[in-house]
């Protein structure tokens, strides 16, 4: 059984975060920045970059010494703007 710990009460992705990440990554996928396009997709709204979500999940690990041997990432659903997400991590 996995030990799971709540790392931060929440993370919320903002318009500014999406814009900055798009500028830095040069990812021009309209799913992330074009509201009209995104509304016509199965997601119904703009979606946060998956890698930005991973970075947000890893951020709490920067405040304590940690030795990572591997990271398993499962994208089980879209991350949307202005929505609160709870971060959990643990060992398998």
Foldseek 3Di string as FASTA:
>chain_A
DKDKDFLDAWDAAAPVNLVVVCVVVVDPPCLAPPQVVVCPDPQNGRFRPPVVVVCVLCVSVVVDDDDDPDDDDDCPDTHHHPDIDTHMDTDD
